[in-house]
Protein backbone atom coordinates (compact mmCIF):
# COMPACT_ATOMS: atom_id res chain seq x y z
CA MET A 1 -20.14 -8.78 3.33
CA LYS A 2 -17.08 -6.81 4.53
CA SER A 3 -16.40 -3.33 3.05
CA ILE A 4 -12.97 -2.01 2.25
CA LEU A 5 -12.25 1.53 1.54
CA THR A 6 -9.26 2.45 -0.89
CA ILE A 7 -7.82 5.80 -0.91
CA ALA A 8 -5.27 6.18 -3.75
CA GLY A 9 -4.59 7.33 -7.14
CA SER A 10 -6.17 6.00 -10.56
CA ASP A 11 -3.93 4.00 -12.62
CA SER A 12 -5.02 4.37 -16.21
CA SER A 13 -3.39 1.16 -17.28
CA GLY A 14 -5.29 -0.73 -14.66
CA GLY A 15 -2.33 -2.42 -13.04
CA ALA A 16 -1.92 -0.45 -9.79
CA GLY A 17 -3.46 2.06 -7.58
CA ILE A 18 -7.27 2.18 -7.23
CA GLN A 19 -7.76 -0.51 -10.15
CA ALA A 20 -5.35 -2.95 -8.32
CA ASP A 21 -7.07 -2.37 -5.14
CA ILE A 22 -10.58 -2.91 -6.34
CA LYS A 23 -9.56 -6.14 -8.08
CA THR A 24 -7.84 -7.49 -4.96
CA ILE A 25 -10.72 -6.64 -2.58
CA THR A 26 -13.24 -8.24 -5.31
CA ALA A 27 -11.05 -11.43 -5.26
CA HIS A 28 -11.40 -11.50 -1.61
CA LYS A 29 -15.13 -11.52 -2.00
CA MET A 30 -15.40 -8.20 -0.35
CA PHE A 31 -17.16 -4.90 -1.39
CA ALA A 32 -14.69 -2.16 -2.46
CA THR A 33 -15.41 1.75 -1.96
CA SER A 34 -12.89 4.28 -3.15
CA ALA A 35 -11.75 7.86 -2.67
CA ILE A 36 -9.45 8.81 -5.52
CA THR A 37 -6.71 11.21 -4.72
CA ALA A 38 -5.23 11.74 -8.12
CA LEU A 39 -5.52 10.75 -11.72
CA THR A 40 -2.33 9.58 -13.33
CA ALA A 41 -1.52 9.01 -17.06
CA GLN A 42 0.50 5.91 -17.04
CA ASN A 43 1.12 2.33 -18.45
CA THR A 44 3.63 -0.34 -17.81
CA THR A 45 6.63 1.58 -19.04
CA GLY A 46 6.16 4.63 -16.69
CA VAL A 47 4.20 7.58 -15.28
CA ARG A 48 3.46 10.31 -17.88
CA ALA A 49 1.47 12.86 -15.89
CA ILE A 50 -0.29 13.27 -12.46
CA HIS A 51 -3.28 15.47 -11.78
CA ASN A 52 -4.02 15.66 -7.98
CA ALA A 53 -7.72 15.94 -6.92
CA PRO A 54 -8.58 18.97 -4.86
CA ALA A 55 -8.28 18.08 -1.05
CA GLU A 56 -11.66 19.38 -0.44
CA PHE A 57 -13.05 16.97 -2.90
CA VAL A 58 -11.14 14.01 -1.32
CA GLY A 59 -12.66 15.00 1.84
CA GLN A 60 -16.29 14.93 0.14
CA GLN A 61 -15.74 11.47 -1.18
CA LEU A 62 -14.69 10.23 2.19
CA ASP A 63 -17.69 11.90 3.93
CA ALA A 64 -19.92 10.27 1.34
CA ILE A 65 -18.50 6.75 2.09
CA PHE A 66 -18.30 6.88 5.82
CA GLU A 67 -21.74 8.24 6.19
CA ASP A 68 -23.32 5.51 4.11
CA ILE A 69 -21.31 2.37 3.56
CA ARG A 70 -18.80 2.35 6.68
CA PRO A 71 -15.70 0.50 5.76
CA ASP A 72 -14.32 -2.46 7.91
CA ALA A 73 -10.93 -1.51 6.63
CA VAL A 74 -8.95 1.10 5.02
CA LYS A 75 -6.15 0.90 2.60
CA ILE A 76 -4.28 4.10 1.85
CA GLY A 77 -2.02 4.51 -1.31
CA MET A 78 -0.84 7.51 -3.26
CA VAL A 79 -1.32 10.65 -1.41
CA SER A 80 0.95 13.19 -3.06
CA SER A 81 0.06 16.43 -1.68
CA PRO A 82 0.15 17.87 1.83
CA GLU A 83 -3.40 19.19 1.72
CA ILE A 84 -4.72 15.76 0.77
CA ILE A 85 -2.88 14.12 3.51
CA GLN A 86 -4.26 16.56 6.06
CA VAL A 87 -7.65 16.11 5.03
CA ILE A 88 -7.59 12.29 4.99
CA SER A 89 -6.11 12.23 8.50
CA GLU A 90 -8.75 14.52 9.73
CA ARG A 91 -11.53 12.37 8.31
CA LEU A 92 -10.08 9.03 9.42
CA ARG A 93 -9.87 10.60 13.17
CA GLU A 94 -13.32 12.07 12.88
CA TYR A 95 -15.02 8.79 11.90
CA GLY A 96 -12.87 6.58 14.01
CA ALA A 97 -11.68 4.57 11.22
CA GLU A 98 -10.15 1.04 11.89
CA ASN A 99 -7.70 -1.37 10.44
CA ILE A 100 -5.77 1.29 8.48
CA VAL A 101 -3.01 0.12 6.07
CA VAL A 102 -0.84 2.78 4.79
CA ASP A 103 1.28 2.00 1.78
CA PRO A 104 3.55 4.99 1.55
CA VAL A 105 3.83 5.11 -2.08
CA MET A 106 6.80 7.51 -3.01
CA VAL A 107 8.10 5.94 -6.29
CA SER A 108 6.32 3.92 -8.87
CA THR A 109 7.89 0.41 -9.95
CA SER A 110 9.23 2.16 -12.98
CA GLY A 111 11.02 4.57 -10.79
CA SER A 112 8.78 7.64 -11.23
CA LYS A 113 8.51 9.85 -8.20
CA LEU A 114 4.89 9.96 -6.97
CA ILE A 115 4.87 12.36 -4.04
CA GLU A 116 5.74 16.09 -3.50
CA ASP A 117 8.70 16.69 -1.33
CA GLU A 118 6.66 18.99 1.20
CA ALA A 119 3.93 16.27 1.44
CA GLN A 120 6.62 13.85 3.17
CA ASN A 121 6.33 15.63 6.40
CA ASN A 122 2.60 15.32 6.71
CA LEU A 123 2.68 11.85 5.55
CA CYS A 124 5.05 11.00 8.69
CA SER A 125 3.42 13.33 11.23
CA LEU A 126 -0.26 13.05 10.30
CA LEU A 127 -1.05 9.79 8.53
CA LEU A 128 1.53 7.11 9.46
CA PRO A 129 0.66 7.33 13.14
CA LEU A 130 -2.85 6.32 12.44
CA ALA A 131 -1.96 3.08 10.70
CA THR A 132 -2.43 -0.49 11.96
CA VAL A 133 0.58 -1.11 9.77
CA ILE A 134 2.64 0.59 7.08
CA THR A 135 4.17 -1.20 4.09
CA PRO A 136 7.26 0.45 2.59
CA ASN A 137 9.48 -1.11 0.27
CA ILE A 138 13.38 -0.67 0.84
CA PRO A 139 13.60 2.52 -1.13
CA GLU A 140 10.56 4.14 0.76
CA ALA A 141 11.94 2.70 4.06
CA GLU A 142 15.25 4.55 3.27
CA ILE A 143 13.53 7.69 2.52
CA LEU A 144 11.42 7.51 5.83
CA THR A 145 14.35 6.62 8.06
CA GLY A 146 17.17 8.18 6.30
CA MET A 147 19.13 4.93 6.42
CA THR A 148 20.84 2.86 3.97
CA ILE A 149 19.27 -0.71 3.60
CA LYS A 150 21.27 -3.29 2.01
CA THR A 151 20.85 -6.31 4.28
CA LYS A 152 18.29 -7.95 6.51
CA ASP A 153 20.19 -6.48 9.52
CA ASP A 154 19.77 -3.16 7.94
CA MET A 155 16.03 -3.70 7.67
CA LEU A 156 15.89 -4.69 11.27
CA ALA A 157 17.70 -1.54 12.31
CA ALA A 158 15.52 0.64 10.16
CA ALA A 159 12.37 -0.87 11.57
CA GLN A 160 13.52 -0.55 15.10
CA SER A 161 14.44 3.17 14.40
CA PHE A 162 11.28 4.12 13.02
CA ALA A 163 8.98 2.19 15.32
CA PRO A 164 8.74 4.80 18.00
CA LYS A 165 7.32 7.20 15.50
CA ILE A 166 4.09 5.09 14.81
CA PHE A 167 1.70 3.07 16.97
CA GLY A 168 1.27 0.13 14.46
CA GLY A 169 3.53 -2.29 12.70
CA ILE A 170 6.07 -1.52 10.07
CA LEU A 171 6.35 -4.17 7.26
CA ILE A 172 9.45 -3.44 5.15
CA LYS A 173 9.31 -5.31 1.87
CA GLY A 174 12.56 -6.84 0.82
CA GLY A 175 12.15 -7.23 -2.92
CA HIS A 176 14.99 -4.93 -3.40
CA LEU A 177 17.44 -7.07 -1.41
CA ALA A 178 20.37 -8.22 -3.45
CA ASP A 179 20.41 -12.05 -1.77
CA SER A 180 16.68 -12.67 -1.01
CA ALA A 181 13.31 -11.24 -1.00
CA THR A 182 12.59 -11.54 2.66
CA ASP A 183 9.96 -9.32 4.26
CA LEU A 184 10.27 -7.87 7.84
CA LEU A 185 7.34 -7.14 9.97
CA TYR A 186 8.32 -5.29 13.08
CA TYR A 187 5.29 -5.19 15.42
CA ASP A 188 4.93 -4.71 19.20
CA GLY A 189 8.66 -4.95 19.84
CA GLU A 190 9.08 -8.29 17.82
CA ALA A 191 10.52 -9.13 14.44
CA ASN A 192 8.55 -11.47 12.19
CA TRP A 193 10.41 -12.65 9.16
CA TYR A 194 8.61 -13.80 5.86
CA ARG A 195 10.73 -15.78 3.62
CA GLN A 196 9.30 -16.14 0.14
CA GLU A 197 10.25 -18.15 -2.76
CA HIS A 198 11.75 -16.62 -5.89
CA ILE A 199 9.33 -16.21 -8.68
CA ASP A 200 10.56 -15.84 -12.11
CA ASN A 201 8.15 -13.05 -13.21
CA PRO A 202 9.44 -9.54 -14.38
CA ASN A 203 5.81 -8.27 -14.30
CA THR A 204 5.55 -6.78 -11.06
CA HIS A 205 3.57 -3.51 -11.52
CA GLY A 206 1.19 -2.93 -8.63
CA THR A 207 2.49 -5.44 -6.38
CA GLY A 208 2.73 -2.95 -3.52
CA CYS A 209 -0.89 -1.81 -3.97
CA THR A 210 -2.02 -5.45 -4.23
CA LEU A 211 -0.29 -6.62 -1.06
CA SER A 212 -1.58 -3.73 1.12
CA SER A 213 -5.05 -4.12 -0.24
CA ALA A 214 -4.91 -7.71 0.65
CA ILE A 215 -3.78 -6.95 4.08
CA ALA A 216 -6.57 -4.49 4.68
CA CYS A 217 -9.03 -7.39 3.54
CA ASN A 218 -7.48 -9.92 5.98
CA LEU A 219 -7.55 -7.33 8.90
CA ALA A 220 -11.23 -6.89 8.15
CA LEU A 221 -11.80 -10.70 8.70
CA GLY A 222 -10.31 -10.34 12.19
CA TYR A 223 -7.00 -11.92 11.66
CA GLU A 224 -4.08 -10.53 13.89
CA LEU A 225 -1.49 -8.52 11.82
CA PRO A 226 1.19 -11.32 11.43
CA GLU A 227 -1.38 -13.78 10.07
CA ALA A 228 -3.20 -11.13 7.96
CA ILE A 229 0.05 -10.51 6.27
CA ALA A 230 1.00 -14.20 5.69
CA TYR A 231 -2.41 -14.63 4.21
CA SER A 232 -1.93 -11.77 1.85
CA LYS A 233 1.56 -12.79 0.69
CA LYS A 234 0.05 -16.08 -0.24
CA TYR A 235 -2.39 -14.33 -2.44
CA LEU A 236 0.15 -12.10 -4.00
CA THR A 237 2.39 -15.25 -4.71
CA GLY A 238 -0.44 -16.76 -6.68
CA ALA A 239 -1.07 -13.48 -8.50
CA LEU A 240 2.57 -13.57 -9.60
CA LYS A 241 2.67 -17.09 -10.28
CA ALA A 242 -0.25 -16.76 -12.81
CA GLY A 243 2.13 -15.38 -15.08
CA LEU A 244 0.20 -12.72 -16.85
CA ASN A 245 2.22 -10.90 -19.60
CA LEU A 246 0.68 -7.68 -20.67
CA GLY A 247 2.33 -4.34 -22.04
CA LYS A 248 5.78 -3.54 -23.04
CA GLY A 249 7.19 -2.83 -19.57
CA SER A 250 6.67 -4.07 -16.12
CA GLY A 251 3.26 -5.66 -16.53
CA PRO A 252 0.36 -6.18 -14.27
CA LEU A 253 -0.49 -8.99 -12.09
CA ASN A 254 -3.47 -11.50 -12.69
CA HIS A 255 -5.45 -10.48 -9.55
CA MET A 256 -8.31 -12.88 -10.61
CA TYR A 257 -6.23 -15.93 -10.90
CA SER A 258 -8.24 -18.02 -8.51
CA LEU A 259 -11.71 -17.28 -10.29
């Protein structure tokens, strides 16, 4: 059985973060381990409070995992302090981690900011260069690149401008586009577009966490990055189409729709 490590924050409502990651990994019939970077008090209507774990303790979690159940892939989500980012990057280098998917979580679906300003520099300089792929949405890609992204041409220009700063691929998720929901993978100098059908479901809490975890699972199976993303998007589409409706705000997905 493949083992997938998720490094992320805990979502008390169960729709995003560690909880969404574990459900996604389990749905892919793999074993999930976790290193929790923060506790959040949140639900489908927004984030109420964030309590970061001590950086040293995050490092101890990673040591415990890599020294016993070595992961075949690593998904990284919410890392909101510069000290935590530094510890994670040091451990990933030390243990030679493979198949690293970084979802640069900066804002929640409800619009709440989830990363400290000073942590952004560490994220870009220490963590993103280790990634097999990074998976920003358009607002996050705008923060990373300093560019305004309104169209698919803007997405491509942003990806091309940021690509020299990382060694892996960049997947810009196009869900915030006005005219479509097309995603772009810019990888090895080539653009791969993923056109997806419109799904009439306002409940999208945790979609980014779910997609990045699914990509980690498919990379662990040995798929090349473009194919891993295609399979992962198919899984996400199924979870959205299942039409789960919980909570008063943007609700969670049905991660277990295929069971």
